[in-house]
Amino acid sequence: GKERPVNALVFAGAVSSSQGKLETSVIVPGAGVYSDIDFCAVTVKKHILNVNSYADWDVFMHSWNPDLEVRFRRHYAFRASVFELNAPYEASLGSKVTDDVHFGVLSHSLSMAKAAALVLRSERASGKRYDRFLLMRPDLLTFRDLDLTHLDRSGAAFCNSHGNAGG
């Protein structure tokens, strides 16, 4: 029979905390109260993974929160993951900060690139190509089903429009 599709769920970025927005500073582990990543994981499983159970899923993550690694591993069996601080990148990213682009935007963009690189390395190493990619923040609460079978398969990319696609 036909092989089941394999999709990649790709998490990138930092988990929000009550310390505020990451506009001018790096992630400080344990500073402030984090968003409820356990509840977020439950909603992702219910409204994304279970709704799209026609496919197998490999999960990838690049995170700026190494202090949350154990908690994330309770919810996901990662195909590949990296948990690191963004402090070593502060100088290089800080030089690119403008009035319109703050450190958080650059830090999140770098995390997305690092997460995508994990997926590409996995494809090269295994020879397996993913049918669909879903890139999202790890602290996203999902309250409605996201049935990917309704999306066009032409290769078009879809993105939410939060902050001109900065979300």
Protein backbone atom coordinates (compact mmCIF):
# COMPACT_ATOMS: atom_id res chain seq x y z
CA GLY A 1 0.00 0.00 0.00
CA LYS A 2 0.84 3.66 -0.12
CA GLU A 3 3.21 4.91 2.57
CA ARG A 4 1.82 7.25 5.20
CA PRO A 5 2.86 10.87 4.80
CA VAL A 6 5.40 12.18 7.30
CA ASN A 7 5.08 15.76 8.51
CA ALA A 8 7.55 17.84 10.48
CA LEU A 9 6.35 19.82 13.49
CA VAL A 10 9.04 22.44 14.04
CA PHE A 11 9.19 24.55 17.19
CA ALA A 12 11.39 27.63 17.36
CA GLY A 13 11.98 30.55 19.67
CA ALA A 14 11.76 31.46 23.30
CA VAL A 15 8.93 30.83 25.72
CA SER A 16 7.24 34.01 26.87
CA SER A 17 7.51 34.94 30.50
CA SER A 18 6.24 37.63 32.81
CA GLN A 19 9.69 39.28 32.58
CA GLY A 20 8.37 41.00 29.47
CA LYS A 21 9.12 41.20 25.78
CA LEU A 22 12.54 40.32 24.50
CA GLU A 23 13.20 43.61 22.79
CA THR A 24 16.58 44.61 24.15
CA SER A 25 17.92 41.71 26.20
CA VAL A 26 18.74 38.04 26.08
CA ILE A 27 16.85 35.17 27.67
CA VAL A 28 17.58 34.88 31.38
CA PRO A 29 16.65 31.35 32.50
CA GLY A 30 14.05 31.29 35.24
CA ALA A 31 13.39 35.05 35.10
CA GLY A 32 9.69 35.66 35.52
CA VAL A 33 6.88 33.12 35.25
CA TYR A 34 6.79 31.22 31.98
CA SER A 35 3.74 30.65 29.84
CA ASP A 36 2.09 27.30 30.60
CA ILE A 37 3.99 25.12 28.11
CA ASP A 38 2.36 21.97 29.49
CA PHE A 39 -1.10 23.26 28.58
CA CYS A 40 0.25 24.48 25.22
CA ALA A 41 1.54 20.97 24.45
CA VAL A 42 -1.85 19.45 25.29
CA THR A 43 -3.59 21.82 22.86
CA VAL A 44 -1.02 21.18 20.10
CA LYS A 45 -1.51 17.43 20.45
CA LYS A 46 -5.30 17.73 20.47
CA HIS A 47 -5.82 20.32 17.73
CA ILE A 48 -2.88 19.62 15.41
CA LEU A 49 -1.30 16.19 15.83
CA ASN A 50 -4.48 14.23 16.57
CA VAL A 51 -6.52 16.08 13.93
CA ASN A 52 -3.85 15.23 11.35
CA SER A 53 -3.37 11.61 12.40
CA TYR A 54 -3.43 10.53 8.72
CA ALA A 55 0.31 11.32 8.85
CA ASP A 56 3.24 10.41 11.05
CA TRP A 57 4.95 13.34 12.73
CA ASP A 58 8.60 14.03 13.50
CA VAL A 59 9.08 16.82 16.02
CA PHE A 60 12.00 19.26 15.99
CA MET A 61 12.86 22.12 18.30
CA HIS A 62 15.30 24.95 18.62
CA SER A 63 14.81 26.72 21.93
CA TRP A 64 16.40 29.61 23.77
CA ASN A 65 15.20 28.02 27.03
CA PRO A 66 17.61 25.25 28.10
CA ASP A 67 16.01 25.41 31.55
CA LEU A 68 12.76 24.08 30.02
CA GLU A 69 14.30 21.15 28.12
CA VAL A 70 13.17 18.49 30.62
CA ARG A 71 9.60 19.79 30.58
CA PHE A 72 9.47 19.81 26.77
CA ARG A 73 10.86 16.27 26.60
CA ARG A 74 7.95 15.10 28.76
CA HIS A 75 5.61 16.04 25.89
CA TYR A 76 7.58 15.39 22.71
CA ALA A 77 9.99 12.71 21.46
CA PHE A 78 12.19 14.99 19.37
CA ARG A 79 13.73 13.75 16.14
CA ALA A 80 16.31 16.50 16.75
CA SER A 81 16.51 19.42 19.16
CA VAL A 82 18.83 22.11 20.43
CA PHE A 83 18.34 23.99 23.69
CA GLU A 84 20.74 26.89 24.13
CA LEU A 85 20.95 30.42 25.51
CA ASN A 86 20.79 33.31 23.07
CA ALA A 87 23.34 35.35 25.07
CA PRO A 88 26.30 34.29 22.85
CA TYR A 89 24.50 35.86 19.88
CA GLU A 90 23.75 39.18 21.59
CA ALA A 91 26.69 41.08 20.11
CA SER A 92 26.20 39.92 16.52
CA LEU A 93 22.42 40.35 16.59
CA GLY A 94 22.59 43.59 18.54
CA SER A 95 24.57 45.21 15.75
CA LYS A 96 21.55 44.70 13.47
CA VAL A 97 18.94 46.28 15.79
CA THR A 98 17.12 49.25 14.25
CA ASP A 99 14.18 51.41 15.27
CA ASP A 100 11.84 48.93 13.53
CA VAL A 101 13.65 45.66 14.29
CA HIS A 102 14.33 44.85 17.93
CA PHE A 103 16.50 42.10 19.40
CA GLY A 104 13.54 39.75 19.92
CA VAL A 105 12.67 39.72 16.21
CA LEU A 106 16.27 38.92 15.28
CA SER A 107 16.60 36.30 18.00
CA HIS A 108 13.38 34.58 16.89
CA SER A 109 14.46 34.67 13.23
CA LEU A 110 17.77 33.05 14.15
CA SER A 111 15.94 30.37 16.13
CA MET A 112 13.67 29.62 13.16
CA ALA A 113 16.71 29.28 10.90
CA LYS A 114 18.38 26.94 13.39
CA ALA A 115 15.21 24.83 13.65
CA ALA A 116 14.92 24.63 9.86
CA ALA A 117 18.55 23.51 9.68
CA LEU A 118 17.73 20.64 12.08
CA VAL A 119 14.98 19.47 9.72
CA LEU A 120 17.17 19.75 6.63
CA ARG A 121 19.99 17.82 8.32
CA SER A 122 17.51 15.11 9.29
CA GLU A 123 16.22 14.86 5.71
CA ARG A 124 19.77 14.56 4.35
CA ALA A 125 20.81 11.98 6.94
CA SER A 126 17.72 9.78 6.57
CA GLY A 127 16.95 10.31 2.88
CA LYS A 128 13.35 10.93 3.99
CA ARG A 129 11.53 13.98 2.65
CA TYR A 130 8.80 15.58 4.74
CA ASP A 131 5.40 16.08 3.16
CA ARG A 132 4.48 19.14 5.21
CA PHE A 133 6.22 21.45 7.63
CA LEU A 134 4.50 23.29 10.46
CA LEU A 135 6.71 25.93 12.09
CA MET A 136 5.41 27.41 15.34
CA ARG A 137 6.35 28.89 18.67
CA PRO A 138 6.52 26.36 21.52
CA ASP A 139 4.24 28.46 23.76
CA LEU A 140 1.32 28.72 21.36
CA LEU A 141 -2.11 27.82 22.70
CA THR A 142 -4.28 26.25 20.00
CA PHE A 143 -8.03 26.20 20.57
CA ARG A 144 -9.30 25.21 17.11
CA ASP A 145 -8.50 22.24 14.95
CA LEU A 146 -5.92 22.88 12.24
CA ASP A 147 -6.72 20.29 9.55
CA LEU A 148 -3.80 20.50 7.15
CA THR A 149 -5.62 18.49 4.48
CA HIS A 150 -7.62 21.64 3.67
CA LEU A 151 -4.49 23.58 2.67
CA ASP A 152 -3.31 23.85 -0.92
CA ARG A 153 -0.52 21.40 -1.76
CA SER A 154 1.03 23.59 -4.47
CA GLY A 155 4.04 24.33 -2.30
CA ALA A 156 2.70 27.69 -1.15
CA ALA A 157 3.70 28.82 2.33
CA PHE A 158 1.06 29.98 4.77
CA CYS A 159 1.76 32.30 7.68
CA ASN A 160 -0.28 34.06 10.29
CA SER A 161 -0.22 37.82 9.95
CA HIS A 162 0.57 38.69 13.55
CA GLY A 163 2.87 41.70 13.42
CA ASN A 164 3.43 41.44 9.67
CA ALA A 165 4.17 37.71 9.96
CA GLY A 166 6.43 38.25 12.96
CA GLY A 167 4.37 36.01 15.24
